[in-house]
């Protein structure tokens, strides 16, 4: 990957952009109203929509923090503002912790094991163990996120503390209390972030794999896959890279970013999007192939509910089906209408097929009107995939269930809240303007 010369970063609070911030606030209001209406008309659907969007935003935010930690561990010189984009995504993590507390009240609509635990799994799947573990993970990640973000941005805030105004100035003054000089602060920042970065990666990779087991896989309490946690976490990483790529294209021509979203940096993040998309599909394939060949009913039903019978042999049910299982694959378009088949095809297209074929060359990676829509498509694809992981566990054979007015309204509410938090952190405190040292 390319490298760039050292840059001096100085926070430059620009305030919330209007009318975008107002539009996001309106989306939050729409989400709250939709959730309230859903609780009245269809509580289970409302909680499913809440849970799927909670999982999507939480994994995106935690993956953003992990991505910033990875840049720190490898001492990446090329990333420049892309590191700040990743840190901006992480600002959502404390809000995810609060939403997890809210989500506890909908557990009975999501998890069968709360009222009807499977024999032999009671010690693991119970409300005390699950919620204490998962809330503990989110609390730990929230604390680490605040410490990491403060240490990372503190060296940039002295000018804002001295010459800023309003809330941004007050926060900068608090975060720069006990200032020890530019060089000492940069050294202290690097020391703190370097120590925290491996811990962040461990908490995300190990802890949030358990989180995925608890919050997603346990919705089908009889289904299990050792690779599932890694798959869900990597989907978060892919969405964070896609979000960073999209933010780069949106900021490229903005004042204060002149020359910072360079072609070399766009090429680097584009290569990450290309490669990470392939690895996401690899993890799915590795999980699917073993289930396909094993073809045991306790494993295949999870895949069949989502892909339909098109991609399953089901040779274990009858002798005739077993004999036909080794015949050439008999493709039928009608089979995609069973389960959530077409939804799965859309996810594959957005998250793998399109990024693979469109971003094969160098030129598309540095052309914002190409890489921008591709990255937006990946984000949309991961959002659909999170719904695909959650909804079929409760609502069978209704692939449009998550596209109703109330679920979409809840999803837009989450989107507005997430974007608003990102804007508040990155534009008000702190907005980092990258300026090369002369």
Protein backbone atom coordinates (compact mmCIF):
# COMPACT_ATOMS: atom_id res chain seq x y z
CA UNK A 1 0.00 0.00 0.00
CA UNK A 2 1.03 3.55 -0.60
CA UNK A 3 2.45 5.80 2.04
CA UNK A 4 2.27 9.52 2.56
CA UNK A 5 4.42 12.03 4.28
CA UNK A 6 3.80 13.05 7.84
CA UNK A 7 0.89 15.38 8.39
CA UNK A 8 -0.09 17.71 11.19
CA UNK A 9 -3.69 17.21 12.25
CA UNK A 10 -5.62 20.10 13.74
CA UNK A 11 -9.24 19.95 14.81
CA UNK A 12 -11.46 22.44 13.04
CA UNK A 13 -15.03 22.42 14.28
CA UNK A 14 -17.38 23.26 11.42
CA UNK A 15 -20.71 22.59 13.10
CA UNK A 16 -23.47 20.24 12.00
CA UNK A 17 -24.13 20.43 8.25
CA UNK A 18 -27.59 21.61 7.40
CA UNK A 19 -30.06 20.51 6.16
CA UNK A 20 -28.53 17.00 6.49
CA UNK A 21 -28.55 17.07 10.29
CA UNK A 22 -32.18 18.19 10.34
CA UNK A 23 -33.11 15.44 7.91
CA UNK A 24 -31.40 12.84 10.12
CA UNK A 25 -33.24 14.15 13.16
CA UNK A 26 -36.51 13.77 11.24
CA UNK A 27 -35.57 10.17 10.44
CA UNK A 28 -34.99 9.53 14.13
CA UNK A 29 -38.47 10.86 14.86
CA UNK A 30 -39.89 8.63 12.13
CA UNK A 31 -38.09 5.64 13.62
CA UNK A 32 -39.47 6.28 17.11
CA UNK A 33 -43.01 6.67 15.77
CA UNK A 34 -42.67 3.54 13.64
CA UNK A 35 -41.41 1.53 16.60
CA UNK A 36 -44.25 2.75 18.79
CA UNK A 37 -46.79 1.90 16.09
CA UNK A 38 -45.16 -1.48 15.63
CA UNK A 39 -45.39 -2.28 19.34
CA UNK A 40 -49.10 -1.55 19.12
CA UNK A 41 -49.89 -3.39 15.87
CA UNK A 42 -47.23 -6.11 15.59
CA UNK A 43 -44.87 -6.31 18.58
CA UNK A 44 -42.87 -9.23 17.22
CA UNK A 45 -42.23 -7.51 13.88
CA UNK A 46 -41.23 -4.30 15.63
CA UNK A 47 -38.73 -6.09 17.86
CA UNK A 48 -37.33 -8.07 14.91
CA UNK A 49 -36.76 -4.81 13.02
CA UNK A 50 -35.23 -3.22 16.12
CA UNK A 51 -32.95 -6.20 16.66
CA UNK A 52 -31.73 -6.50 13.08
CA UNK A 53 -30.87 -2.79 12.92
CA UNK A 54 -29.28 -2.96 16.36
CA UNK A 55 -27.02 -5.81 15.21
CA UNK A 56 -26.15 -3.98 11.97
CA UNK A 57 -25.23 -0.67 13.60
CA UNK A 58 -23.47 -2.27 16.56
CA UNK A 59 -21.24 -4.47 14.45
CA UNK A 60 -20.53 -1.57 12.07
CA UNK A 61 -19.47 0.69 14.94
CA UNK A 62 -17.36 -1.94 16.71
CA UNK A 63 -15.75 -2.88 13.40
CA UNK A 64 -14.96 0.80 12.78
CA UNK A 65 -13.09 0.92 16.09
CA UNK A 66 -11.35 -2.35 15.21
CA UNK A 67 -10.36 -0.98 11.82
CA UNK A 68 -8.79 2.07 13.50
CA UNK A 69 -7.00 -0.32 15.88
CA UNK A 70 -5.66 -2.32 12.95
CA UNK A 71 -4.30 0.85 11.36
CA UNK A 72 -2.57 1.53 14.68
CA UNK A 73 -1.09 -1.96 15.06
CA UNK A 74 0.43 -2.01 11.57
CA UNK A 75 1.42 1.68 11.88
CA UNK A 76 -0.36 2.45 8.61
CA UNK A 77 0.95 5.61 6.97
CA UNK A 78 -1.29 5.52 3.92
CA UNK A 79 -4.73 5.80 5.50
CA UNK A 80 -4.77 9.49 6.52
CA UNK A 81 -8.42 10.60 6.90
CA UNK A 82 -9.72 7.06 6.48
CA UNK A 83 -8.61 6.37 10.03
CA UNK A 84 -10.72 9.32 11.21
CA UNK A 85 -13.71 7.99 9.28
CA UNK A 86 -13.34 4.65 11.08
CA UNK A 87 -13.11 6.40 14.44
CA UNK A 88 -16.24 8.37 13.61
CA UNK A 89 -18.13 5.12 13.11
CA UNK A 90 -16.98 4.00 16.56
CA UNK A 91 -18.68 6.98 18.21
CA UNK A 92 -21.92 4.96 18.06
CA UNK A 93 -20.71 2.25 20.46
CA UNK A 94 -21.91 3.86 23.74
CA UNK A 95 -25.34 4.34 22.15
CA UNK A 96 -25.32 0.66 21.16
CA UNK A 97 -24.90 -0.20 24.83
CA UNK A 98 -27.98 1.86 25.71
CA UNK A 99 -29.99 0.29 22.89
CA UNK A 100 -28.97 -3.17 24.10
CA UNK A 101 -30.64 -2.37 27.41
CA UNK A 102 -33.81 -1.38 25.53
CA UNK A 103 -33.59 -4.58 23.50
CA UNK A 104 -33.79 -6.71 26.63
CA UNK A 105 -37.50 -5.90 26.86
CA UNK A 106 -38.14 -7.58 23.49
CA UNK A 107 -36.33 -10.81 24.25
CA UNK A 108 -39.50 -12.89 24.54
CA UNK A 109 -40.41 -12.02 20.95
CA UNK A 110 -36.97 -13.01 19.62
CA UNK A 111 -35.53 -15.91 21.59
CA UNK A 112 -37.45 -19.15 21.92
CA UNK A 113 -35.10 -20.34 24.66
CA UNK A 114 -36.42 -17.74 27.09
CA UNK A 115 -39.79 -19.49 27.40
CA UNK A 116 -38.94 -22.90 25.95
CA UNK A 117 -35.27 -23.72 26.57
CA UNK A 118 -33.76 -26.68 24.76
CA UNK A 119 -32.75 -29.54 27.01
CA UNK A 120 -29.05 -29.49 27.79
CA UNK A 121 -28.56 -25.84 26.81
CA UNK A 122 -30.15 -24.19 29.83
CA UNK A 123 -26.81 -23.41 31.47
CA UNK A 124 -25.71 -21.38 28.44
CA UNK A 125 -28.93 -20.03 26.99
CA UNK A 126 -30.55 -18.22 29.89
CA UNK A 127 -31.30 -14.54 30.36
CA UNK A 128 -28.85 -14.03 33.21
CA UNK A 129 -25.86 -15.46 31.34
CA UNK A 130 -26.71 -14.02 27.91
CA UNK A 131 -27.54 -10.45 28.93
CA UNK A 132 -24.79 -10.14 31.53
CA UNK A 133 -22.22 -11.35 28.99
CA UNK A 134 -23.41 -9.25 26.08
CA UNK A 135 -24.06 -6.07 28.05
CA UNK A 136 -20.67 -6.56 29.68
CA UNK A 137 -19.01 -6.84 26.25
CA UNK A 138 -20.72 -3.67 25.02
CA UNK A 139 -19.83 -1.81 28.22
CA UNK A 140 -16.18 -2.83 27.93
CA UNK A 141 -16.11 -1.86 24.25
CA UNK A 142 -17.75 1.49 25.06
CA UNK A 143 -15.16 2.33 27.72
CA UNK A 144 -12.27 1.28 25.48
CA UNK A 145 -13.75 3.26 22.60
CA UNK A 146 -13.95 6.47 24.63
CA UNK A 147 -10.39 6.08 25.92
CA UNK A 148 -9.05 5.23 22.46
CA UNK A 149 -10.86 8.06 20.68
CA UNK A 150 -9.82 10.58 23.32
CA UNK A 151 -6.18 9.50 23.14
CA UNK A 152 -6.22 9.48 19.34
CA UNK A 153 -7.73 12.94 18.93
CA UNK A 154 -6.25 14.78 21.94
CA UNK A 155 -3.09 15.97 20.10
CA UNK A 156 -5.27 17.68 17.48
CA UNK A 157 -7.46 19.67 19.88
CA UNK A 158 -5.20 22.34 21.39
CA UNK A 159 -6.06 24.95 18.78
CA UNK A 160 -9.77 24.22 19.14
CA UNK A 161 -9.54 24.56 22.93
CA UNK A 162 -7.86 27.96 22.57
CA UNK A 163 -9.70 29.44 19.61
CA UNK A 164 -12.94 27.50 19.27
CA UNK A 165 -16.38 28.36 20.52
CA UNK A 166 -19.43 26.78 22.07
CA UNK A 167 -19.74 23.12 22.93
CA UNK A 168 -16.76 22.09 20.78
CA UNK A 169 -14.48 24.50 22.68
CA UNK A 170 -15.70 23.29 26.07
CA UNK A 171 -15.20 19.64 25.15
CA UNK A 172 -11.77 20.36 23.67
CA UNK A 173 -10.77 22.12 26.89
CA UNK A 174 -11.80 19.07 28.91
CA UNK A 175 -10.01 16.65 26.61
CA UNK A 176 -6.80 18.71 26.61
CA UNK A 177 -6.63 19.36 30.36
CA UNK A 178 -3.06 19.07 31.60
CA UNK A 179 -1.55 19.75 28.16
CA UNK A 180 2.14 18.83 28.05
CA UNK A 181 3.16 20.20 24.67
CA UNK A 182 2.67 19.03 21.10
CA UNK A 183 5.49 16.51 20.93
CA UNK A 184 4.77 15.00 24.35
CA UNK A 185 1.06 14.73 23.55
CA UNK A 186 1.69 12.99 20.23
CA UNK A 187 4.02 10.52 21.94
CA UNK A 188 1.50 9.86 24.72
CA UNK A 189 -1.28 9.41 22.16
CA UNK A 190 0.71 6.85 20.21
CA UNK A 191 1.63 4.98 23.39
CA UNK A 192 -1.97 4.74 24.60
CA UNK A 193 -3.51 3.80 21.27
CA UNK A 194 -0.77 1.24 20.61
CA UNK A 195 -1.50 -0.45 23.92
CA UNK A 196 -5.27 -0.44 23.42
CA UNK A 197 -5.31 -1.57 19.77
CA UNK A 198 -4.55 -5.29 20.36
CA UNK A 199 -7.10 -5.39 23.18
CA UNK A 200 -9.74 -3.91 20.87
CA UNK A 201 -9.04 -6.57 18.24
CA UNK A 202 -9.25 -9.36 20.82
CA UNK A 203 -12.49 -8.07 22.33
CA UNK A 204 -14.05 -7.73 18.90
CA UNK A 205 -12.74 -10.98 17.41
CA UNK A 206 -13.38 -13.22 20.42
CA UNK A 207 -15.93 -11.35 22.51
CA UNK A 208 -18.21 -10.30 19.68
CA UNK A 209 -18.12 -13.79 18.18
CA UNK A 210 -19.80 -14.85 21.43
CA UNK A 211 -22.07 -11.81 21.08
CA UNK A 212 -23.09 -13.07 17.61
CA UNK A 213 -23.71 -16.55 19.00
CA UNK A 214 -25.96 -15.11 21.71
CA UNK A 215 -27.81 -12.42 19.80
CA UNK A 216 -28.22 -14.04 16.39
CA UNK A 217 -27.44 -17.76 16.30
CA UNK A 218 -29.38 -18.54 19.48
CA UNK A 219 -32.58 -17.33 17.81
CA UNK A 220 -32.48 -20.82 16.25
CA UNK A 221 -31.44 -22.56 19.46
CA UNK A 222 -31.05 -26.00 17.85
CA UNK A 223 -28.71 -24.72 15.09
CA UNK A 224 -25.00 -24.18 15.59
CA UNK A 225 -21.91 -23.32 13.56
CA UNK A 226 -18.45 -22.70 14.96
CA UNK A 227 -17.69 -20.31 12.10
CA UNK A 228 -20.79 -18.19 12.55
CA UNK A 229 -19.22 -15.68 14.95
CA UNK A 230 -16.29 -15.00 12.62
CA UNK A 231 -18.68 -14.62 9.68
CA UNK A 232 -20.85 -12.05 11.47
CA UNK A 233 -17.82 -10.11 12.74
CA UNK A 234 -16.25 -10.04 9.30
CA UNK A 235 -19.48 -8.71 7.87
CA UNK A 236 -19.05 -5.81 10.30
CA UNK A 237 -15.47 -5.26 9.10
CA UNK A 238 -16.61 -5.31 5.46
CA UNK A 239 -19.35 -2.77 6.19
CA UNK A 240 -16.85 -0.51 8.01
CA UNK A 241 -14.46 -0.59 5.04
CA UNK A 242 -17.36 0.11 2.68
CA UNK A 243 -18.52 3.01 4.86
CA UNK A 244 -14.99 4.43 4.94
CA UNK A 245 -14.77 4.12 1.16
CA UNK A 246 -18.10 5.88 0.69
CA UNK A 247 -17.15 8.66 3.13
CA UNK A 248 -13.93 9.18 1.22
CA UNK A 249 -15.79 9.73 -2.04
CA UNK A 250 -18.25 12.10 -0.34
CA UNK A 251 -15.47 14.18 1.29
CA UNK A 252 -13.04 14.27 -1.62
CA UNK A 253 -14.12 17.67 -2.93
CA UNK A 254 -15.16 19.18 0.40
CA UNK A 255 -13.35 22.28 1.75
CA UNK A 256 -10.55 21.35 4.14
CA UNK A 257 -10.00 17.97 2.50
CA UNK A 258 -8.17 19.20 -0.58
CA UNK A 259 -5.64 16.63 -1.67
CA UNK A 260 -6.28 14.34 1.30
CA UNK A 261 -8.56 11.85 -0.47
CA UNK A 262 -5.89 11.19 -3.07
CA UNK A 263 -6.04 8.62 -5.85
CA UNK A 264 -3.43 6.49 -4.10
CA UNK A 265 -5.50 6.42 -0.91
CA UNK A 266 -8.68 5.69 -2.84
CA UNK A 267 -6.86 2.87 -4.59
CA UNK A 268 -5.71 1.43 -1.26
CA UNK A 269 -9.14 1.51 0.39
CA UNK A 270 -10.64 0.19 -2.86
CA UNK A 271 -8.28 -2.79 -2.72
CA UNK A 272 -9.38 -3.42 0.86
CA UNK A 273 -13.03 -3.34 -0.20
CA UNK A 274 -12.29 -5.72 -3.07
CA UNK A 275 -10.29 -8.18 -0.97
CA UNK A 276 -12.49 -8.06 2.12
CA UNK A 277 -15.57 -8.72 -0.02
CA UNK A 278 -13.94 -11.88 -1.36
CA UNK A 279 -13.03 -13.01 2.16
CA UNK A 280 -16.60 -12.40 3.34
CA UNK A 281 -17.85 -14.75 0.62
CA UNK A 282 -15.10 -17.22 1.49
CA UNK A 283 -16.32 -17.38 5.08
CA UNK A 284 -19.88 -17.96 3.91
CA UNK A 285 -18.74 -20.66 1.48
CA UNK A 286 -16.62 -22.39 4.14
CA UNK A 287 -19.64 -22.51 6.44
CA UNK A 288 -22.10 -23.54 3.75
CA UNK A 289 -20.01 -26.26 2.10
CA UNK A 290 -19.58 -28.32 5.27
CA UNK A 291 -23.31 -28.12 5.98
CA UNK A 292 -24.10 -29.01 2.36
CA UNK A 293 -22.00 -32.17 2.39
CA UNK A 294 -22.88 -33.20 5.94
CA UNK A 295 -26.56 -32.65 5.13
CA UNK A 296 -27.77 -33.34 8.64
CA UNK A 297 -31.27 -32.02 9.38
CA UNK A 298 -30.13 -30.23 12.54
CA UNK A 299 -27.76 -28.14 10.36
CA UNK A 300 -29.45 -27.78 6.99
CA UNK A 301 -32.69 -26.13 8.12
CA UNK A 302 -30.95 -22.81 8.89
CA UNK A 303 -29.52 -22.62 5.37
CA UNK A 304 -32.69 -23.95 3.72
CA UNK A 305 -34.85 -21.28 5.41
CA UNK A 306 -32.63 -18.59 3.90
CA UNK A 307 -31.47 -19.98 0.54
CA UNK A 308 -34.46 -22.21 -0.17
CA UNK A 309 -34.09 -25.75 -1.58
CA UNK A 310 -32.08 -24.52 -4.58
CA UNK A 311 -28.74 -24.93 -2.82
CA UNK A 312 -29.51 -27.92 -0.58
CA UNK A 313 -29.52 -31.59 -1.58
CA UNK A 314 -31.52 -32.83 1.39
CA UNK A 315 -30.21 -36.32 0.66
CA UNK A 316 -30.61 -37.32 4.29
CA UNK A 317 -34.40 -37.37 4.30
CA UNK A 318 -35.28 -40.23 1.90
CA UNK A 319 -33.45 -42.87 -0.12
CA UNK A 320 -34.74 -41.32 -3.33
CA UNK A 321 -33.50 -37.87 -2.34
CA UNK A 322 -30.16 -39.37 -1.36
CA UNK A 323 -29.80 -40.99 -4.79
CA UNK A 324 -30.74 -37.78 -6.58
CA UNK A 325 -28.35 -35.76 -4.47
CA UNK A 326 -25.35 -36.87 -6.48
CA UNK A 327 -26.92 -36.12 -9.84
CA UNK A 328 -26.07 -32.92 -11.73
CA UNK A 329 -27.38 -29.77 -10.09
CA UNK A 330 -30.91 -29.12 -11.32
CA UNK A 331 -31.37 -25.36 -11.27
CA UNK A 332 -34.90 -23.95 -11.19
CA UNK A 333 -35.70 -20.26 -10.85
CA UNK A 334 -38.92 -21.10 -9.03
CA UNK A 335 -36.95 -22.52 -6.12
CA UNK A 336 -35.62 -19.05 -5.35
CA UNK A 337 -39.15 -18.00 -4.41
CA UNK A 338 -39.07 -20.44 -1.48
CA UNK A 339 -37.84 -19.21 1.87
CA UNK A 340 -35.78 -16.06 1.45
CA UNK A 341 -34.07 -17.22 -1.75
CA UNK A 342 -34.23 -14.02 -3.78
CA UNK A 343 -33.14 -11.94 -0.80
CA UNK A 344 -30.04 -14.12 -0.50
CA UNK A 345 -29.29 -13.57 -4.20
CA UNK A 346 -29.50 -9.80 -3.70
CA UNK A 347 -27.05 -10.03 -0.80
CA UNK A 348 -24.60 -12.07 -2.86
CA UNK A 349 -24.86 -9.59 -5.73
CA UNK A 350 -24.32 -6.48 -3.60
CA UNK A 351 -21.64 -7.83 -1.27
CA UNK A 352 -19.61 -10.04 -3.60
CA UNK A 353 -20.52 -10.29 -7.29
CA UNK A 354 -20.66 -6.55 -8.03
CA UNK A 355 -17.58 -5.58 -5.93
CA UNK A 356 -15.57 -8.44 -7.46
CA UNK A 357 -16.27 -7.75 -11.10
CA UNK A 358 -16.51 -3.96 -10.96
CA UNK A 359 -13.41 -3.38 -8.80
CA UNK A 360 -11.11 -5.83 -10.58
CA UNK A 361 -9.17 -3.06 -12.32
CA UNK A 362 -7.33 -0.07 -10.92
CA UNK A 363 -9.39 2.66 -12.59
CA UNK A 364 -12.74 1.81 -10.96
CA UNK A 365 -11.13 1.95 -7.49
CA UNK A 366 -10.09 5.60 -7.99
CA UNK A 367 -13.24 6.74 -9.82
CA UNK A 368 -15.64 8.06 -7.23
CA UNK A 369 -18.79 7.64 -9.32
CA UNK A 370 -17.92 3.93 -9.60
CA UNK A 371 -16.44 3.01 -6.21
CA UNK A 372 -18.96 5.22 -4.37
CA UNK A 373 -22.09 3.35 -5.57
CA UNK A 374 -20.32 -0.01 -5.15
CA UNK A 375 -19.46 0.77 -1.51
CA UNK A 376 -22.99 2.04 -0.87
CA UNK A 377 -24.28 -1.21 -2.36
CA UNK A 378 -22.09 -3.23 0.00
CA UNK A 379 -23.45 -1.34 3.01
CA UNK A 380 -27.00 -1.96 1.81
CA UNK A 381 -26.14 -5.61 1.17
CA UNK A 382 -24.81 -6.13 4.70
CA UNK A 383 -27.93 -4.45 6.12
CA UNK A 384 -30.11 -6.86 4.14
CA UNK A 385 -27.88 -9.75 5.24
CA UNK A 386 -28.37 -8.84 8.92
CA UNK A 387 -32.13 -8.95 8.34
CA UNK A 388 -31.65 -12.26 6.54
CA UNK A 389 -29.85 -13.70 9.56
CA UNK A 390 -32.58 -12.63 11.97
CA UNK A 391 -36.04 -12.56 10.39
CA UNK A 392 -36.22 -16.16 9.03
CA UNK A 393 -35.52 -17.48 12.52
CA UNK A 394 -38.99 -16.28 13.52
CA UNK A 395 -40.90 -15.47 10.33
CA UNK A 396 -40.71 -18.39 7.89
CA UNK A 397 -41.24 -18.22 4.10
CA UNK A 398 -42.02 -14.50 3.90
CA UNK A 399 -39.07 -12.82 2.24
CA UNK A 400 -40.73 -9.39 2.20
CA UNK A 401 -41.51 -9.34 5.92
CA UNK A 402 -38.59 -7.04 6.75
CA UNK A 403 -39.63 -4.60 3.99
CA UNK A 404 -42.92 -3.50 5.52
CA UNK A 405 -43.61 0.14 6.32
CA UNK A 406 -42.98 -0.25 10.04
CA UNK A 407 -39.70 -2.23 9.71
CA UNK A 408 -38.43 0.21 7.09
CA UNK A 409 -39.42 3.15 9.29
CA UNK A 410 -37.48 1.63 12.20
CA UNK A 411 -34.51 1.04 9.89
CA UNK A 412 -34.58 4.65 8.72
CA UNK A 413 -34.70 5.76 12.36
CA UNK A 414 -31.54 3.80 13.12
CA UNK A 415 -29.90 5.19 9.99
CA UNK A 416 -30.74 8.76 10.96
CA UNK A 417 -29.46 8.26 14.52
CA UNK A 418 -26.22 6.62 13.38
CA UNK A 419 -25.47 9.31 10.80
CA UNK A 420 -26.35 12.05 13.27
CA UNK A 421 -23.91 10.65 15.85
CA UNK A 422 -21.22 10.40 13.18
CA UNK A 423 -21.83 13.99 12.06
CA UNK A 424 -21.84 15.27 15.62
CA UNK A 425 -18.56 13.56 16.43
CA UNK A 426 -16.76 14.29 13.18
CA UNK A 427 -18.06 17.81 12.48
CA UNK A 428 -18.57 19.33 15.91
CA UNK A 429 -16.09 17.51 18.11
CA UNK A 430 -13.69 16.99 16.64
CA UNK A 431 -13.62 17.72 12.94
CA UNK A 432 -10.05 16.94 11.94
CA UNK A 433 -8.60 18.97 9.13
CA UNK A 434 -5.49 17.36 7.71
CA UNK A 435 -2.80 19.84 6.73
CA UNK A 436 0.64 18.83 5.58
CA UNK A 437 3.61 20.26 7.40
CA UNK A 438 5.38 22.87 5.31
